[in-house]
């Protein structure tokens, strides 16, 4: 199959990537633990991070 868009990729950008054979929930849990203060959602001027808020 021809993929003409590859010609527009920046140098060094791979044409294929390997997708790990692990569940999305594991990837998400790792992201949450590594980046708790990174915004997860912006919605109507509000920002929510991955950090669990104590109430």
PDB file of N, CA and C in Angstrom:
ATOM      1  N   UNK A   1       0.847  -1.171   0.000  1.00  0.00           N
ATOM      2  CA  UNK A   1       0.000   0.000   0.000  1.00  0.00           C
ATOM      3  C   UNK A   1       0.899   1.243   0.000  1.00  0.00           C
ATOM      4  N   UNK A   2       0.594   2.174  -0.853  1.00  0.00           N
ATOM      5  CA  UNK A   2       1.358   3.419  -0.935  1.00  0.00           C
ATOM      6  C   UNK A   2       0.888   4.376   0.160  1.00  0.00           C
ATOM      7  N   UNK A   3       1.858   5.032   0.808  1.00  0.00           N
ATOM      8  CA  UNK A   3       1.547   5.979   1.887  1.00  0.00           C
ATOM      9  C   UNK A   3       2.293   7.283   1.610  1.00  0.00           C
ATOM     10  N   UNK A   4       1.728   8.126   0.763  1.00  0.00           N
ATOM     11  CA  UNK A   4       2.436   9.345   0.341  1.00  0.00           C
ATOM     12  C   UNK A   4       2.697  10.337   1.464  1.00  0.00           C
ATOM     13  N   UNK A   5       1.977  10.234   2.561  1.00  0.00           N
ATOM     14  CA  UNK A   5       2.179  11.184   3.664  1.00  0.00           C
ATOM     15  C   UNK A   5       3.538  10.993   4.341  1.00  0.00           C
ATOM     16  N   UNK A   6       4.139   9.802   4.194  1.00  0.00           N
ATOM     17  CA  UNK A   6       5.465   9.595   4.777  1.00  0.00           C
ATOM     18  C   UNK A   6       6.480  10.614   4.268  1.00  0.00           C
ATOM     19  N   UNK A   7       6.314  11.086   3.074  1.00  0.00           N
ATOM     20  CA  UNK A   7       7.244  12.065   2.497  1.00  0.00           C
ATOM     21  C   UNK A   7       7.216  13.382   3.262  1.00  0.00           C
ATOM     22  N   UNK A   8       6.174  13.625   4.030  1.00  0.00           N
ATOM     23  CA  UNK A   8       6.031  14.877   4.770  1.00  0.00           C
ATOM     24  C   UNK A   8       6.465  14.765   6.229  1.00  0.00           C
ATOM     25  N   UNK A   9       6.860  13.566   6.650  1.00  0.00           N
ATOM     26  CA  UNK A   9       7.339  13.376   8.028  1.00  0.00           C
ATOM     27  C   UNK A   9       8.686  14.071   8.198  1.00  0.00           C
ATOM     28  N   UNK A  10       8.912  14.635   9.372  1.00  0.00           N
ATOM     29  CA  UNK A  10      10.212  15.222   9.679  1.00  0.00           C
ATOM     30  C   UNK A  10      11.267  14.120   9.723  1.00  0.00           C
ATOM     31  N   UNK A  11      12.514  14.460   9.459  1.00  0.00           N
ATOM     32  CA  UNK A  11      13.581  13.457   9.551  1.00  0.00           C
ATOM     33  C   UNK A  11      13.630  12.846  10.951  1.00  0.00           C
ATOM     34  N   UNK A  12      13.795  11.554  11.006  1.00  0.00           N
ATOM     35  CA  UNK A  12      13.884  10.865  12.282  1.00  0.00           C
ATOM     36  C   UNK A  12      12.561  10.349  12.814  1.00  0.00           C
ATOM     37  N   UNK A  13      11.451  10.775  12.220  1.00  0.00           N
ATOM     38  CA  UNK A  13      10.140  10.293  12.663  1.00  0.00           C
ATOM     39  C   UNK A  13       9.911   8.924  12.034  1.00  0.00           C
ATOM     40  N   UNK A  14       9.701   7.897  12.878  1.00  0.00           N
ATOM     41  CA  UNK A  14       9.526   6.547  12.317  1.00  0.00           C
ATOM     42  C   UNK A  14       8.212   6.414  11.553  1.00  0.00           C
ATOM     43  N   UNK A  15       8.225   5.528  10.568  1.00  0.00           N
ATOM     44  CA  UNK A  15       7.006   5.266   9.798  1.00  0.00           C
ATOM     45  C   UNK A  15       6.108   4.273  10.514  1.00  0.00           C
ATOM     46  N   UNK A  16       6.676   3.523  11.439  1.00  0.00           N
ATOM     47  CA  UNK A  16       5.904   2.582  12.243  1.00  0.00           C
ATOM     48  C   UNK A  16       6.380   2.679  13.680  1.00  0.00           C
ATOM     49  N   UNK A  17       5.481   2.423  14.607  1.00  0.00           N
ATOM     50  CA  UNK A  17       5.856   2.364  16.018  1.00  0.00           C
ATOM     51  C   UNK A  17       5.368   1.036  16.576  1.00  0.00           C
ATOM     52  N   UNK A  18       6.046   0.582  17.617  1.00  0.00           N
ATOM     53  CA  UNK A  18       5.611  -0.643  18.273  1.00  0.00           C
ATOM     54  C   UNK A  18       4.651  -0.280  19.397  1.00  0.00           C
ATOM     55  N   UNK A  19       3.567  -0.979  19.450  1.00  0.00           N
ATOM     56  CA  UNK A  19       2.568  -0.758  20.482  1.00  0.00           C
ATOM     57  C   UNK A  19       2.746  -1.848  21.529  1.00  0.00           C
ATOM     58  N   UNK A  20       2.981  -1.458  22.791  1.00  0.00           N
ATOM     59  CA  UNK A  20       3.212  -2.478  23.817  1.00  0.00           C
ATOM     60  C   UNK A  20       1.978  -3.342  24.044  1.00  0.00           C
ATOM     61  N   UNK A  21       2.220  -4.599  24.374  1.00  0.00           N
ATOM     62  CA  UNK A  21       1.128  -5.539  24.607  1.00  0.00           C
ATOM     63  C   UNK A  21       0.748  -5.516  26.087  1.00  0.00           C
ATOM     64  N   UNK A  22       0.270  -4.345  26.542  1.00  0.00           N
ATOM     65  CA  UNK A  22      -0.197  -4.193  27.914  1.00  0.00           C
ATOM     66  C   UNK A  22      -1.527  -3.441  27.868  1.00  0.00           C
ATOM     67  N   UNK A  23      -2.374  -3.651  28.865  1.00  0.00           N
ATOM     68  CA  UNK A  23      -3.688  -2.996  28.848  1.00  0.00           C
ATOM     69  C   UNK A  23      -3.569  -1.465  28.978  1.00  0.00           C
ATOM     70  N   UNK A  24      -4.522  -0.787  28.384  1.00  0.00           N
ATOM     71  CA  UNK A  24      -4.549   0.674  28.473  1.00  0.00           C
ATOM     72  C   UNK A  24      -4.573   1.130  29.927  1.00  0.00           C
ATOM     73  N   UNK A  25      -5.285   0.402  30.779  1.00  0.00           N
ATOM     74  CA  UNK A  25      -5.380   0.805  32.182  1.00  0.00           C
ATOM     75  C   UNK A  25      -4.009   0.839  32.849  1.00  0.00           C
ATOM     76  N   UNK A  26      -3.118  -0.055  32.477  1.00  0.00           N
ATOM     77  CA  UNK A  26      -1.760  -0.059  33.037  1.00  0.00           C
ATOM     78  C   UNK A  26      -0.979   1.160  32.546  1.00  0.00           C
ATOM     79  N   UNK A  27      -1.129   1.489  31.277  1.00  0.00           N
ATOM     80  CA  UNK A  27      -0.459   2.673  30.721  1.00  0.00           C
ATOM     81  C   UNK A  27      -0.986   3.930  31.411  1.00  0.00           C
ATOM     82  N   UNK A  28      -2.296   4.000  31.576  1.00  0.00           N
ATOM     83  CA  UNK A  28      -2.908   5.160  32.216  1.00  0.00           C
ATOM     84  C   UNK A  28      -2.457   5.292  33.671  1.00  0.00           C
ATOM     85  N   UNK A  29      -2.427   4.187  34.411  1.00  0.00           N
ATOM     86  CA  UNK A  29      -1.999   4.217  35.815  1.00  0.00           C
ATOM     87  C   UNK A  29      -0.549   4.687  35.921  1.00  0.00           C
ATOM     88  N   UNK A  30       0.296   4.246  35.018  1.00  0.00           N
ATOM     89  CA  UNK A  30       1.696   4.680  35.026  1.00  0.00           C
ATOM     90  C   UNK A  30       1.788   6.180  34.746  1.00  0.00           C
ATOM     91  N   UNK A  31       1.011   6.665  33.808  1.00  0.00           N
ATOM     92  CA  UNK A  31       1.008   8.098  33.483  1.00  0.00           C
ATOM     93  C   UNK A  31       0.556   8.920  34.676  1.00  0.00           C
ATOM     94  N   UNK A  32      -0.502   8.486  35.332  1.00  0.00           N
ATOM     95  CA  UNK A  32      -1.036   9.202  36.498  1.00  0.00           C
ATOM     96  C   UNK A  32       0.013   9.275  37.606  1.00  0.00           C
ATOM     97  N   UNK A  33       0.719   8.175  37.845  1.00  0.00           N
ATOM     98  CA  UNK A  33       1.705   8.179  38.927  1.00  0.00           C
ATOM     99  C   UNK A  33       2.937   9.002  38.571  1.00  0.00           C
ATOM    100  N   UNK A  34       3.290   9.064  37.296  1.00  0.00           N
ATOM    101  CA  UNK A  34       4.473   9.824  36.883  1.00  0.00           C
ATOM    102  C   UNK A  34       4.205  11.315  36.771  1.00  0.00           C
ATOM    103  N   UNK A  35       2.982  11.702  36.425  1.00  0.00           N
ATOM    104  CA  UNK A  35       2.673  13.103  36.147  1.00  0.00           C
ATOM    105  C   UNK A  35       1.414  13.570  36.892  1.00  0.00           C
ATOM    106  N   UNK A  36       1.405  13.516  38.219  1.00  0.00           N
ATOM    107  CA  UNK A  36       0.170  13.841  38.950  1.00  0.00           C
ATOM    108  C   UNK A  36      -0.267  15.294  38.810  1.00  0.00           C
ATOM    109  N   UNK A  37       0.656  16.198  38.521  1.00  0.00           N
ATOM    110  CA  UNK A  37       0.301  17.620  38.438  1.00  0.00           C
ATOM    111  C   UNK A  37       0.070  18.113  37.014  1.00  0.00           C
ATOM    112  N   UNK A  38       0.197  17.228  36.050  1.00  0.00           N
ATOM    113  CA  UNK A  38      -0.023  17.605  34.654  1.00  0.00           C
ATOM    114  C   UNK A  38      -1.526  17.690  34.402  1.00  0.00           C
ATOM    115  N   UNK A  39      -1.978  18.733  33.727  1.00  0.00           N
ATOM    116  CA  UNK A  39      -3.418  18.824  33.441  1.00  0.00           C
ATOM    117  C   UNK A  39      -3.909  17.641  32.620  1.00  0.00           C
ATOM    118  N   UNK A  40      -4.964  17.027  33.085  1.00  0.00           N
ATOM    119  CA  UNK A  40      -5.575  15.909  32.381  1.00  0.00           C
ATOM    120  C   UNK A  40      -6.732  16.390  31.517  1.00  0.00           C
ATOM    121  N   UNK A  41      -7.419  17.435  31.990  1.00  0.00           N
ATOM    122  CA  UNK A  41      -8.602  17.949  31.298  1.00  0.00           C
ATOM    123  C   UNK A  41      -8.658  19.464  31.445  1.00  0.00           C
ATOM    124  N   UNK A  42      -8.940  20.121  30.346  1.00  0.00           N
ATOM    125  CA  UNK A  42      -9.297  21.544  30.355  1.00  0.00           C
ATOM    126  C   UNK A  42     -10.755  21.599  29.901  1.00  0.00           C
ATOM    127  N   UNK A  43     -11.611  22.233  30.696  1.00  0.00           N
ATOM    128  CA  UNK A  43     -13.025  22.263  30.349  1.00  0.00           C
ATOM    129  C   UNK A  43     -13.639  23.548  30.872  1.00  0.00           C
ATOM    130  N   UNK A  44     -14.122  24.374  29.981  1.00  0.00           N
ATOM    131  CA  UNK A  44     -14.768  25.637  30.318  1.00  0.00           C
ATOM    132  C   UNK A  44     -13.950  26.461  31.314  1.00  0.00           C
ATOM    133  N   UNK A  45     -12.676  26.606  31.009  1.00  0.00           N
ATOM    134  CA  UNK A  45     -11.812  27.433  31.828  1.00  0.00           C
ATOM    135  C   UNK A  45     -11.316  26.780  33.101  1.00  0.00           C
ATOM    136  N   UNK A  46     -11.681  25.537  33.328  1.00  0.00           N
ATOM    137  CA  UNK A  46     -11.220  24.814  34.506  1.00  0.00           C
ATOM    138  C   UNK A  46     -10.144  23.812  34.091  1.00  0.00           C
ATOM    139  N   UNK A  47      -9.249  23.540  35.029  1.00  0.00           N
ATOM    140  CA  UNK A  47      -8.168  22.602  34.767  1.00  0.00           C
ATOM    141  C   UNK A  47      -8.174  21.537  35.851  1.00  0.00           C
ATOM    142  N   UNK A  48      -8.179  20.290  35.450  1.00  0.00           N
ATOM    143  CA  UNK A  48      -8.094  19.183  36.392  1.00  0.00           C
ATOM    144  C   UNK A  48      -6.825  18.402  36.108  1.00  0.00           C
ATOM    145  N   UNK A  49      -6.103  18.099  37.183  1.00  0.00           N
ATOM    146  CA  UNK A  49      -4.892  17.300  37.050  1.00  0.00           C
ATOM    147  C   UNK A  49      -5.214  15.846  37.385  1.00  0.00           C
ATOM    148  N   UNK A  50      -4.196  15.001  37.269  1.00  0.00           N
ATOM    149  CA  UNK A  50      -4.361  13.597  37.611  1.00  0.00           C
ATOM    150  C   UNK A  50      -4.348  13.362  39.118  1.00  0.00           C
ATOM    151  N   UNK A  51      -3.887  14.356  39.884  1.00  0.00           N
ATOM    152  CA  UNK A  51      -3.769  14.176  41.335  1.00  0.00           C
ATOM    153  C   UNK A  51      -5.143  13.965  41.963  1.00  0.00           C
ATOM    154  N   UNK A  52      -5.199  13.019  42.876  1.00  0.00           N
ATOM    155  CA  UNK A  52      -6.432  12.771  43.615  1.00  0.00           C
ATOM    156  C   UNK A  52      -6.537  13.810  44.721  1.00  0.00           C
ATOM    157  N   UNK A  53      -7.638  14.502  44.750  1.00  0.00           N
ATOM    158  CA  UNK A  53      -7.836  15.529  45.765  1.00  0.00           C
ATOM    159  C   UNK A  53      -8.460  14.937  47.015  1.00  0.00           C
ATOM    160  N   UNK A  54      -7.911  15.321  48.142  1.00  0.00           N
ATOM    161  CA  UNK A  54      -8.464  14.863  49.424  1.00  0.00           C
ATOM    162  C   UNK A  54      -9.645  15.756  49.777  1.00  0.00           C
ATOM    163  N   UNK A  55     -10.702  15.180  50.297  1.00  0.00           N
ATOM    164  CA  UNK A  55     -11.879  15.954  50.692  1.00  0.00           C
ATOM    165  C   UNK A  55     -12.207  15.711  52.127  1.00  0.00           C
TER     166      UNK A  55
END
